[in-house]
Protein backbone atom coordinates (compact mmCIF):
# COMPACT_ATOMS: atom_id res chain seq x y z
CA MET A 1 -41.62 -2.35 175.62
CA PRO A 2 -38.87 -4.81 176.50
CA TYR A 3 -39.12 -8.40 175.34
CA THR A 4 -40.01 -10.57 178.32
CA GLY A 5 -40.98 -13.92 176.84
CA ALA A 6 -41.02 -16.14 173.73
CA HIS A 7 -43.72 -15.50 171.20
CA PRO A 8 -45.52 -18.77 170.28
CA MET A 9 -44.48 -18.38 166.65
CA PHE A 10 -40.78 -18.01 167.54
CA ALA A 11 -41.02 -20.98 169.91
CA ALA A 12 -42.49 -23.14 167.17
CA VAL A 13 -39.71 -22.13 164.77
CA ARG A 14 -37.07 -22.89 167.41
CA ARG A 15 -38.57 -26.34 168.08
CA ALA A 16 -38.63 -27.10 164.35
CA GLU A 17 -35.00 -26.03 163.96
CA THR A 18 -33.99 -28.16 166.93
CA SER A 19 -35.80 -31.21 165.53
CA LEU A 20 -34.16 -30.80 162.12
CA LEU A 21 -30.76 -30.40 163.76
CA TRP A 22 -31.08 -33.63 165.73
CA LEU A 23 -32.38 -35.51 162.69
CA ALA A 24 -29.49 -34.32 160.53
CA LEU A 25 -26.91 -35.20 163.15
CA ALA A 26 -28.44 -38.63 163.72
CA ILE A 27 -28.29 -39.39 160.01
CA VAL A 28 -24.74 -38.13 159.63
CA ALA A 29 -23.16 -39.42 162.81
CA CYS A 30 -25.17 -42.61 163.43
CA GLY A 31 -25.51 -41.69 167.07
CA GLU A 32 -21.85 -40.88 167.70
CA ALA A 33 -21.92 -37.08 167.48
CA LYS A 34 -22.32 -34.50 170.17
CA PRO A 35 -24.54 -31.66 168.85
CA VAL A 36 -22.87 -28.29 168.77
CA GLY A 37 -25.76 -26.16 167.62
CA ARG A 38 -27.13 -24.44 164.57
CA THR A 39 -23.85 -23.03 163.47
CA ALA A 40 -21.37 -23.40 160.65
CA SER A 41 -18.46 -23.91 163.03
CA THR A 42 -17.49 -25.66 166.27
CA PRO A 43 -16.12 -24.07 169.46
CA GLU A 44 -12.64 -25.00 168.20
CA GLY A 45 -13.21 -22.87 165.12
CA ARG A 46 -13.48 -25.74 162.61
CA THR A 47 -16.13 -24.95 160.02
CA CYS A 48 -18.43 -26.58 157.49
CA ALA A 49 -19.12 -25.11 154.09
CA ASN A 50 -22.41 -23.53 152.97
CA GLY A 51 -23.66 -23.04 156.51
CA ALA A 52 -24.03 -26.75 157.15
CA LEU A 53 -24.60 -27.88 160.74
CA ALA A 54 -21.38 -28.81 162.55
CA ALA A 55 -20.70 -31.37 165.26
CA ILE A 56 -17.79 -33.25 166.80
CA ASP A 57 -18.00 -37.04 166.83
CA ALA A 58 -16.60 -39.44 169.43
CA ARG A 59 -13.26 -39.61 167.61
CA GLY A 60 -12.88 -35.81 167.58
CA ASP A 61 -13.56 -35.50 163.84
CA LEU A 62 -15.77 -32.77 162.41
CA LEU A 63 -19.15 -33.85 161.04
CA CYS A 64 -21.06 -31.72 158.56
CA SER A 65 -24.76 -32.21 157.97
CA ASN A 66 -26.18 -31.91 154.47
CA ALA A 67 -28.53 -28.98 154.94
CA ALA A 68 -29.51 -28.85 151.29
CA GLY A 69 -30.30 -32.57 151.14
CA SER A 70 -27.75 -33.43 148.46
CA GLY A 71 -24.14 -32.89 147.57
CA ALA A 72 -20.95 -33.35 149.56
CA GLN A 73 -20.11 -31.12 152.52
CA ARG A 74 -16.48 -30.14 153.07
CA ASP A 75 -15.01 -29.16 156.42
CA SER A 76 -12.15 -26.76 157.15
CA ARG A 77 -9.61 -29.58 156.72
CA GLY A 78 -10.83 -30.41 153.23
CA GLU A 79 -12.52 -33.69 154.17
CA THR A 80 -15.92 -34.57 152.77
CA SER A 81 -18.99 -36.41 153.94
CA ARG A 82 -21.66 -37.53 151.52
CA PRO A 83 -24.49 -39.95 152.32
CA ASP A 84 -24.54 -41.47 148.83
CA ASP A 85 -20.79 -42.09 148.71
CA VAL A 86 -21.09 -45.53 150.33
CA GLY A 87 -20.00 -47.53 147.31
CA ALA A 88 -16.92 -49.04 145.73
CA ILE A 89 -13.48 -47.60 146.44
CA ALA A 90 -11.95 -45.86 143.49
CA PRO A 91 -8.25 -46.65 142.96
CA GLY A 92 -6.14 -44.60 145.32
CA GLU A 93 -9.11 -43.35 147.36
CA LEU A 94 -10.22 -44.04 150.89
CA LYS A 95 -13.93 -44.82 150.83
CA THR A 96 -15.75 -42.52 153.21
CA ALA A 97 -19.12 -43.55 154.59
CA ASN A 98 -21.52 -41.01 156.01
CA THR A 99 -19.10 -39.66 158.61
CA THR A 100 -15.59 -38.31 158.31
CA GLY A 101 -14.65 -40.27 161.42
CA ASP A 102 -14.56 -43.73 159.79
CA ALA A 103 -11.17 -45.29 160.51
CA CYS A 104 -11.26 -47.80 157.63
CA PRO A 105 -13.10 -48.39 154.37
CA ARG A 106 -16.12 -50.64 154.69
CA ASP A 107 -14.37 -53.66 153.16
CA MET A 108 -11.48 -53.48 155.65
CA LYS A 109 -11.24 -54.21 159.37
CA LEU A 110 -9.69 -51.94 161.98
CA VAL A 111 -7.01 -53.46 164.20
CA ASP A 112 -5.90 -51.33 167.16
CA THR A 113 -3.79 -53.38 169.55
CA GLU A 114 -0.49 -53.97 171.31
CA TYR A 115 1.73 -56.38 169.40
CA CYS A 116 4.14 -58.71 171.19
CA PRO A 117 7.30 -59.31 169.09
CA ASN A 118 8.39 -62.26 171.26
CA MET A 119 5.60 -64.44 172.60
CA GLN A 120 6.48 -67.43 174.77
CA ARG A 121 4.08 -70.31 174.25
CA THR A 122 4.17 -73.96 175.25
CA CYS A 123 3.07 -76.57 172.71
CA VAL A 124 1.32 -79.45 174.52
CA GLU A 125 0.46 -81.55 171.44
CA GLU A 126 2.89 -81.64 168.54
CA GLU A 127 3.72 -83.67 165.47
CA TYR A 128 6.87 -83.98 163.41
CA SER A 129 6.44 -83.78 159.64
CA PRO A 130 9.41 -85.48 157.94
CA GLN A 131 8.43 -84.24 154.46
CA ASN A 132 8.94 -80.60 155.37
CA LYS A 133 11.16 -81.25 158.39
CA ILE A 134 8.96 -79.14 160.60
CA THR A 135 7.12 -79.59 163.88
CA ILE A 136 3.43 -78.81 163.72
CA CYS A 137 1.82 -77.79 167.00
CA HIS A 138 -1.75 -79.00 167.36
CA ARG A 139 -2.48 -77.46 170.74
CA PHE A 140 -0.89 -74.70 172.78
CA SER A 141 -1.21 -74.11 176.49
CA THR A 142 -3.46 -71.20 177.31
CA GLN A 143 -0.68 -69.91 179.57
CA GLN A 144 1.53 -67.58 177.54
CA LYS A 145 3.84 -64.66 178.21
CA CYS A 146 5.11 -61.72 176.24
CA LEU A 147 8.88 -61.38 176.61
CA GLY A 148 9.92 -57.79 176.21
CA ARG A 149 8.10 -54.61 175.35
CA GLN A 150 4.91 -54.60 173.32
CA GLU A 151 4.49 -52.31 170.31
CA HIS A 152 1.38 -50.42 169.31
CA ARG A 153 -0.24 -51.26 165.99
CA ARG A 154 -3.22 -49.45 164.46
CA PHE A 155 -4.12 -50.17 160.85
CA CYS A 156 -6.78 -51.35 158.41
CA ILE A 157 -6.64 -54.81 156.81
CA ASP A 158 -8.70 -56.43 154.06
CA GLU A 159 -11.36 -58.77 155.39
CA TYR A 160 -10.64 -61.33 152.66
CA GLU A 161 -7.73 -62.34 150.47
CA TYR A 162 -7.45 -60.28 147.28
CA PRO A 163 -9.71 -59.35 145.49
CA ASN A 164 -11.23 -58.90 148.97
CA GLN A 165 -14.70 -60.07 148.04
CA LYS A 166 -16.80 -62.71 149.76
CA GLY A 167 -17.24 -65.76 147.54
CA ALA A 168 -14.45 -64.76 145.16
CA HIS A 169 -11.52 -66.92 144.16
CA PRO A 170 -8.27 -65.42 145.48
CA THR A 171 -5.58 -64.65 142.96
CA TRP A 172 -2.60 -66.98 142.49
CA MET A 173 0.85 -67.03 140.88
CA VAL A 174 1.74 -63.55 142.17
CA SER A 175 5.10 -62.31 143.39
CA TRP A 176 5.70 -59.86 146.22
CA TYR A 177 6.15 -57.16 143.55
CA ASP A 178 2.81 -58.04 141.93
CA ALA A 179 1.07 -57.93 145.29
CA GLN A 180 2.60 -54.64 146.38
CA ALA A 181 1.87 -52.97 143.04
CA THR A 182 -1.74 -54.12 143.10
CA CYS A 183 -2.29 -52.91 146.66
CA ALA A 184 -0.70 -49.56 145.77
CA SER A 185 -3.11 -49.18 142.85
CA LEU A 186 -5.93 -49.26 145.43
CA GLY A 187 -4.32 -46.72 147.76
CA LYS A 188 -3.12 -49.51 150.05
CA ARG A 189 0.04 -51.56 150.61
CA LEU A 190 1.03 -55.05 151.64
CA CYS A 191 0.65 -55.80 155.35
CA TYR A 192 3.70 -55.89 157.59
CA GLU A 193 4.24 -59.25 159.27
CA SER A 194 3.42 -57.81 162.70
CA GLU A 195 0.17 -56.38 161.33
CA TRP A 196 -0.77 -59.73 159.82
CA VAL A 197 0.02 -61.51 163.11
CA SER A 198 -1.95 -58.94 165.12
CA ALA A 199 -5.00 -59.37 162.91
CA CYS A 200 -4.68 -63.16 163.13
CA GLU A 201 -4.19 -63.47 166.90
CA GLY A 202 -7.03 -61.07 167.62
CA PRO A 203 -7.54 -59.12 170.84
CA ASP A 204 -7.12 -62.33 172.90
CA LYS A 205 -3.67 -63.06 171.38
CA THR A 206 -4.47 -66.67 170.44
CA PRO A 207 -1.96 -68.71 168.35
CA PHE A 208 -4.66 -69.60 165.82
CA PRO A 209 -7.31 -67.13 164.67
CA TYR A 210 -9.98 -69.28 166.31
CA GLY A 211 -8.24 -70.30 169.53
CA PHE A 212 -5.44 -72.39 171.05
CA ALA A 213 -5.97 -75.71 169.22
CA ARG A 214 -5.41 -76.42 165.53
CA ASP A 215 -8.69 -77.39 163.84
CA ASN A 216 -9.08 -78.38 160.18
CA THR A 217 -12.85 -77.86 160.41
CA LYS A 218 -12.32 -74.18 161.19
CA CYS A 219 -10.03 -73.25 158.27
CA ASN A 220 -9.18 -74.79 154.90
CA ILE A 221 -6.06 -76.78 155.89
CA ASP A 222 -4.76 -80.39 155.95
CA ASN A 223 -5.77 -81.20 152.39
CA SER A 224 -4.27 -84.25 150.68
CA TRP A 225 -1.16 -83.57 148.62
CA ILE A 226 -1.45 -83.34 144.82
CA GLN A 227 1.87 -83.62 143.00
CA PRO A 228 2.37 -80.58 140.75
CA SER A 229 3.96 -80.52 137.33
CA LEU A 230 6.26 -77.51 137.60
CA ALA A 231 6.70 -77.44 133.83
CA ASP A 232 2.97 -76.88 133.44
CA VAL A 233 2.66 -74.55 136.44
CA TYR A 234 5.19 -72.20 134.81
CA SER A 235 4.24 -72.94 131.20
CA LYS A 236 4.20 -69.98 128.84
CA ASP A 237 1.07 -71.39 127.24
CA PRO A 238 -1.90 -69.87 129.11
CA GLN A 239 -4.21 -72.84 128.53
CA THR A 240 -1.64 -75.40 129.69
CA ARG A 241 -0.96 -73.33 132.79
CA LEU A 242 -4.67 -72.86 133.58
CA ILE A 243 -5.41 -76.57 133.32
CA GLU A 244 -2.59 -77.45 135.72
CA LEU A 245 -3.35 -74.67 138.19
CA SER A 246 -6.99 -75.71 138.20
CA ARG A 247 -6.07 -79.36 138.80
CA LEU A 248 -4.00 -78.36 141.84
CA ASP A 249 -6.51 -75.88 143.26
CA GLN A 250 -7.79 -77.00 146.66
CA SER A 251 -8.85 -73.54 147.78
CA ALA A 252 -12.25 -72.52 149.09
CA PRO A 253 -14.11 -69.36 148.02
CA SER A 254 -13.28 -66.41 150.23
CA GLY A 255 -15.30 -66.40 153.44
CA SER A 256 -17.00 -69.75 152.71
CA VAL A 257 -15.32 -71.50 155.67
CA GLU A 258 -17.32 -69.66 158.30
CA GLY A 259 -15.18 -70.62 161.31
CA CYS A 260 -11.97 -69.24 159.80
CA VAL A 261 -12.24 -65.76 161.27
CA SER A 262 -10.14 -63.92 163.82
CA GLY A 263 -11.29 -61.86 166.78
CA TYR A 264 -11.01 -58.76 164.58
CA GLY A 265 -13.31 -60.21 161.93
CA VAL A 266 -10.55 -60.95 159.39
CA ARG A 267 -11.16 -64.15 157.41
CA ASP A 268 -9.08 -66.94 155.88
CA LEU A 269 -5.79 -65.83 157.42
CA THR A 270 -4.49 -69.34 158.11
CA GLY A 271 -4.90 -71.90 155.35
CA ASN A 272 -6.46 -71.46 151.90
CA PHE A 273 -3.58 -69.44 150.38
CA ASP A 274 -0.15 -68.40 151.55
CA GLU A 275 -0.03 -64.59 151.72
CA TRP A 276 2.80 -62.20 150.95
CA VAL A 277 3.77 -59.71 153.67
CA THR A 278 6.58 -57.23 154.17
CA VAL A 279 8.85 -58.20 157.06
CA ASP A 280 9.29 -55.92 160.07
CA GLN A 281 13.06 -56.38 159.94
CA ARG A 282 15.10 -57.39 156.93
CA ILE A 283 15.98 -61.08 156.97
CA ASP A 284 19.39 -62.36 155.87
CA ASP A 285 17.81 -64.94 153.61
CA LYS A 286 16.53 -65.32 150.05
CA SER A 287 13.36 -63.49 150.95
CA GLU A 288 15.17 -60.25 151.95
CA TRP A 289 12.19 -58.00 152.81
CA ALA A 290 9.38 -60.45 151.92
CA GLY A 291 7.69 -63.28 153.78
CA LEU A 292 4.77 -65.69 153.39
CA LYS A 293 2.14 -66.13 156.08
CA GLY A 294 -0.75 -68.53 156.64
CA GLY A 295 0.56 -71.82 155.27
CA ALA A 296 -1.95 -72.37 152.40
CA TRP A 297 -4.30 -75.38 152.28
CA GLY A 298 -1.78 -78.14 153.03
CA HIS A 299 -0.66 -79.96 156.16
CA VAL A 300 1.83 -77.36 157.38
CA ARG A 301 2.22 -74.83 160.20
CA ASN A 302 -1.10 -73.06 159.70
CA ALA A 303 -0.76 -70.75 162.70
CA CYS A 304 -0.45 -67.00 163.18
CA ARG A 305 3.28 -66.72 163.99
CA PRO A 306 5.25 -68.94 161.54
CA MET A 307 6.55 -67.29 158.37
CA THR A 308 8.22 -68.72 155.27
CA THR A 309 11.36 -66.81 154.29
CA SER A 310 12.94 -69.25 151.83
CA HIS A 311 11.80 -67.54 148.60
CA PRO A 312 12.91 -64.33 146.87
CA PRO A 313 10.38 -61.52 146.39
CA ASP A 314 9.93 -62.37 142.68
CA PHE A 315 8.82 -65.94 143.48
CA SER A 316 5.31 -67.03 142.48
CA TYR A 317 3.45 -70.30 143.02
CA TYR A 318 0.03 -71.85 142.66
CA PHE A 319 -1.04 -71.32 146.27
CA ILE A 320 0.45 -67.86 146.87
CA ALA A 321 -1.86 -64.85 147.17
CA PHE A 322 -2.05 -61.72 149.36
CA ARG A 323 -4.27 -59.19 151.09
CA CYS A 324 -3.73 -55.46 151.59
CA CYS A 325 -3.37 -53.12 154.56
CA ARG A 326 -3.28 -49.36 155.01
CA GLU A 327 -3.00 -46.79 157.78
CA ALA A 328 -6.17 -46.11 159.74
CA ARG A 329 -7.64 -42.64 159.91
CA GLY A 330 -8.12 -40.75 163.13
CA GLY A 331 -4.84 -41.63 164.81
CA ASN A 332 -1.10 -41.75 164.42
CA PRO A 333 0.09 -44.47 162.01
CA SER A 334 2.04 -47.19 163.75
CA PRO A 335 3.70 -49.47 161.20
CA PRO A 336 7.20 -50.80 161.87
CA SER A 337 10.07 -48.46 161.09
CA PHE A 338 11.54 -50.88 158.52
CA ALA A 339 12.20 -49.09 155.23
CA GLY A 340 14.16 -51.75 153.32
CA ALA A 341 11.45 -52.72 150.84
CA PRO A 342 11.68 -51.02 147.43
CA GLU A 343 9.06 -48.69 145.98
CA VAL A 344 6.81 -50.35 143.42
CA GLU A 345 4.87 -48.55 140.70
CA PRO A 346 1.12 -48.87 141.35
CA ALA A 347 -0.53 -51.21 138.85
CA ASN A 348 -3.11 -53.98 138.81
CA ARG A 349 -0.87 -57.02 138.46
CA ALA A 350 -3.17 -59.63 140.01
CA PRO A 351 -5.88 -60.70 137.55
CA ILE A 352 -9.02 -62.33 138.91
CA GLN A 353 -8.85 -66.09 138.44
CA ASP A 354 -11.45 -68.41 136.93
CA PRO A 355 -10.30 -72.01 137.51
CA ALA A 356 -11.58 -74.75 135.24
CA TYR A 357 -13.27 -77.42 137.39
CA PRO A 358 -10.93 -77.24 140.42
CA PRO A 359 -11.21 -80.13 142.92
CA GLY A 360 -11.51 -77.79 145.91
CA PRO A 361 -10.74 -78.93 149.47
CA SER A 362 -10.13 -82.66 149.77
CA ARG A 363 -12.70 -84.83 151.55
CA ILE A 364 -9.97 -86.79 153.34
CA LYS A 365 -7.82 -84.64 155.58
CA VAL A 366 -4.24 -85.38 156.54
CA GLY A 367 -4.17 -86.36 160.21
CA ARG A 368 -1.50 -86.63 162.87
CA GLU A 369 -1.54 -90.41 162.68
CA HIS A 370 -0.09 -90.24 159.18
CA TRP A 371 3.27 -89.07 160.44
CA PRO A 372 5.87 -90.40 162.89
CA LYS A 373 5.59 -88.78 166.30
CA PRO A 374 8.53 -87.19 168.15
CA ASP A 375 10.14 -89.20 170.95
CA ALA A 376 7.56 -89.06 173.73
CA THR A 377 10.23 -89.55 176.41
CA LYS A 378 11.72 -86.16 175.71
CA ALA A 379 10.22 -83.28 177.68
CA SER A 380 8.69 -80.49 175.65
CA ALA A 381 10.29 -77.23 176.75
CA PRO A 382 8.51 -73.89 176.40
CA LYS A 383 9.01 -72.49 172.93
CA LEU A 384 9.56 -68.89 171.98
CA GLU A 385 7.10 -68.26 169.21
CA ALA A 386 8.49 -65.29 167.41
CA ASN A 387 7.86 -65.08 163.67
CA SER A 388 10.23 -67.62 162.17
CA PRO A 389 10.97 -69.40 158.90
CA ALA A 390 8.44 -72.12 158.12
CA GLU A 391 8.15 -74.91 155.59
CA PRO A 392 9.85 -74.44 152.20
CA THR A 393 7.99 -74.56 148.92
CA PRO A 394 9.49 -76.22 145.80
CA THR A 395 11.34 -73.65 143.73
CA PRO A 396 11.07 -73.99 139.98
């Protein structure tokens, strides 16, 4: 007799299988997956091991459910997904959460944007600083224009300055080589200047991470100057050096200045510490392939575009730190084509600091009224705000 309908027992089994399938996919894909069915492969022929349920997420990556309830599942491309793997990143590894479609590790932020190499902005409130011989812009017009072709950037960037932990004290006294080696030991690299700028300006392309006007309540900037003793800063005696570095330290713990965050969720980019980057194009200057971004905690050009290029890559100082970047998964990498920076052996060369009673940010902030103003009779012409050399730092 031909089969003409579903037996109640078979229907119950089918409903149970369907419920388990949807539950597994919901756990694995967090709502992003399209169910494919109870199969070990997808229509494209990509498979999961051990008969695990397969699905394609919104990014086009293969998801494998954990049918046995434990253990990692590996797809046909050798990528794994394991629910209990959401922990610290081992050196050289990309942390994978519970889907293979994650673009960045959990402690990094994804930036996917169009970068403008030459941005025309008009400064409507400026101040001349005779100490550093620089002009600090306090407010930009909201009218701005990209001159030339934009370039795509897609990458991951640390949320905080190294060691990339909320509440931690960023490292100090590191050279470009130290920073690059330390990032490499974590499977990362130093950010390119255009990546750093893209993360800072955010999706709205603002000159400061928080908007168009400079604000010392948003980020740790404009602190009163403390005269350093360079002999003690570079002393070979660790205790002497620690005492002096602690006396000079006006930094804030990572992430503690809540308003200092860009539109991409990256914190402490301007102010706090100057950060090493690799330049997009080699500069005919002391810095060669290295630059410093952010301006540290002083009264300097704490904006997204300016860059200091007056120091060689082996330079270190008491307010110099870094953060790391890496390519994002799930798309073509888009860093600049510059290949002039040397390879550096991966190694942890940035010890975690423990200052001894540092003063922290100063209560009295340096204000515009402290400095002579430019001649007000001269018209302020629109300024091309490409990345450019900024204030020098004393060289030992």
